[in-house]
């Protein structure tokens, strides 16, 4: 939530969708928080690779994750918006 900028409700909804698709598996309970214990989840180890792509006005961010290893591969590609044709303004 702090790292993603998503609300607690949004994170819960995304986790529920991932659980429904068997994309995540339980990874234990986090009791080290000041709040009630939280269930940890991880990518399901049988999935193979997962990819995430985020495109905004300035860059494209791509992350590849292998659930069997602890680190992900991420890259960011700045976008050259100077060559994009803008639609004509309505009159």
Protein backbone atom coordinates (compact mmCIF):
# COMPACT_ATOMS: atom_id res chain seq x y z
CA UNK A 1 0.00 0.00 0.00
CA UNK A 2 2.76 2.42 0.90
CA UNK A 3 4.90 1.16 -1.95
CA UNK A 4 2.10 0.89 -4.51
CA UNK A 5 -0.04 3.88 -3.63
CA UNK A 6 -3.10 1.61 -3.62
CA UNK A 7 -5.67 1.71 -0.85
CA UNK A 8 -6.10 -1.23 1.53
CA UNK A 9 -9.43 -2.02 -0.19
CA UNK A 10 -7.83 -2.03 -3.65
CA UNK A 11 -5.02 -4.34 -2.49
CA UNK A 12 -7.56 -6.71 -0.90
CA UNK A 13 -9.60 -6.81 -4.14
CA UNK A 14 -6.50 -7.54 -6.25
CA UNK A 15 -5.38 -10.30 -3.86
CA UNK A 16 -8.86 -11.86 -3.98
CA UNK A 17 -8.79 -11.87 -7.80
CA UNK A 18 -5.32 -13.46 -7.79
CA UNK A 19 -6.46 -16.07 -5.26
CA UNK A 20 -9.53 -16.89 -7.38
CA UNK A 21 -7.24 -17.56 -10.34
CA UNK A 22 -4.81 -19.65 -8.24
CA UNK A 23 -2.08 -17.12 -9.06
CA UNK A 24 -0.98 -16.72 -5.43
CA UNK A 25 -0.34 -19.13 -2.57
CA UNK A 26 -0.25 -18.60 1.18
CA UNK A 27 3.21 -17.69 2.47
CA UNK A 28 2.51 -17.68 6.20
CA UNK A 29 1.39 -15.02 8.64
CA UNK A 30 3.12 -11.72 9.46
CA UNK A 31 2.81 -11.11 13.18
CA UNK A 32 5.48 -8.39 13.28
CA UNK A 33 3.07 -5.57 12.40
CA UNK A 34 1.44 -3.24 14.90
CA UNK A 35 -1.90 -4.09 13.33
CA UNK A 36 -3.63 -7.48 13.48
CA UNK A 37 -1.62 -10.34 11.98
CA UNK A 38 -1.60 -10.25 8.19
CA UNK A 39 -1.58 -13.23 5.87
CA UNK A 40 1.33 -13.15 3.46
CA UNK A 41 0.94 -14.35 -0.11
CA UNK A 42 3.45 -15.14 -2.82
CA UNK A 43 3.15 -15.99 -6.49
CA UNK A 44 2.13 -19.61 -6.93
CA UNK A 45 5.38 -21.53 -7.57
CA UNK A 46 3.80 -23.62 -10.34
CA UNK A 47 3.00 -20.64 -12.55
CA UNK A 48 6.32 -20.08 -14.25
CA UNK A 49 7.04 -16.45 -15.08
CA UNK A 50 4.71 -13.54 -14.46
CA UNK A 51 4.94 -10.19 -16.23
CA UNK A 52 3.65 -6.77 -15.33
CA UNK A 53 3.61 -3.80 -17.71
CA UNK A 54 2.76 -0.24 -16.75
CA UNK A 55 2.67 2.56 -19.32
CA UNK A 56 2.19 6.19 -18.40
CA UNK A 57 2.81 9.51 -20.16
CA UNK A 58 6.57 9.42 -19.68
CA UNK A 59 7.73 5.80 -19.55
CA UNK A 60 6.99 2.11 -19.83
CA UNK A 61 7.87 -0.08 -16.84
CA UNK A 62 8.19 -3.86 -17.26
CA UNK A 63 8.77 -6.43 -14.50
CA UNK A 64 9.32 -10.15 -14.94
CA UNK A 65 9.00 -12.40 -11.91
CA UNK A 66 9.92 -16.04 -11.41
CA UNK A 67 8.17 -17.22 -8.23
CA UNK A 68 10.93 -19.74 -7.53
CA UNK A 69 13.63 -17.08 -7.02
CA UNK A 70 13.59 -14.09 -4.64
CA UNK A 71 14.31 -11.25 -7.07
CA UNK A 72 12.57 -9.83 -10.10
CA UNK A 73 13.90 -8.35 -13.31
CA UNK A 74 12.65 -4.82 -13.93
CA UNK A 75 13.28 -2.30 -16.65
CA UNK A 76 12.08 1.21 -17.46
CA UNK A 77 12.00 2.67 -20.94
CA UNK A 78 11.47 6.43 -21.25
CA UNK A 79 8.95 7.34 -23.94
CA UNK A 80 9.70 10.02 -26.50
CA UNK A 81 6.41 11.89 -26.57
CA UNK A 82 7.70 14.53 -28.98
CA UNK A 83 6.88 12.29 -31.96
CA UNK A 84 3.29 11.55 -30.92
CA UNK A 85 0.68 13.24 -33.05
CA UNK A 86 -1.87 15.02 -30.91
CA UNK A 87 -5.53 15.03 -31.98
CA UNK A 88 -6.87 18.34 -33.21
CA UNK A 89 -8.62 20.43 -30.59
CA UNK A 90 -12.41 20.56 -30.94
CA UNK A 91 -13.64 23.87 -32.28
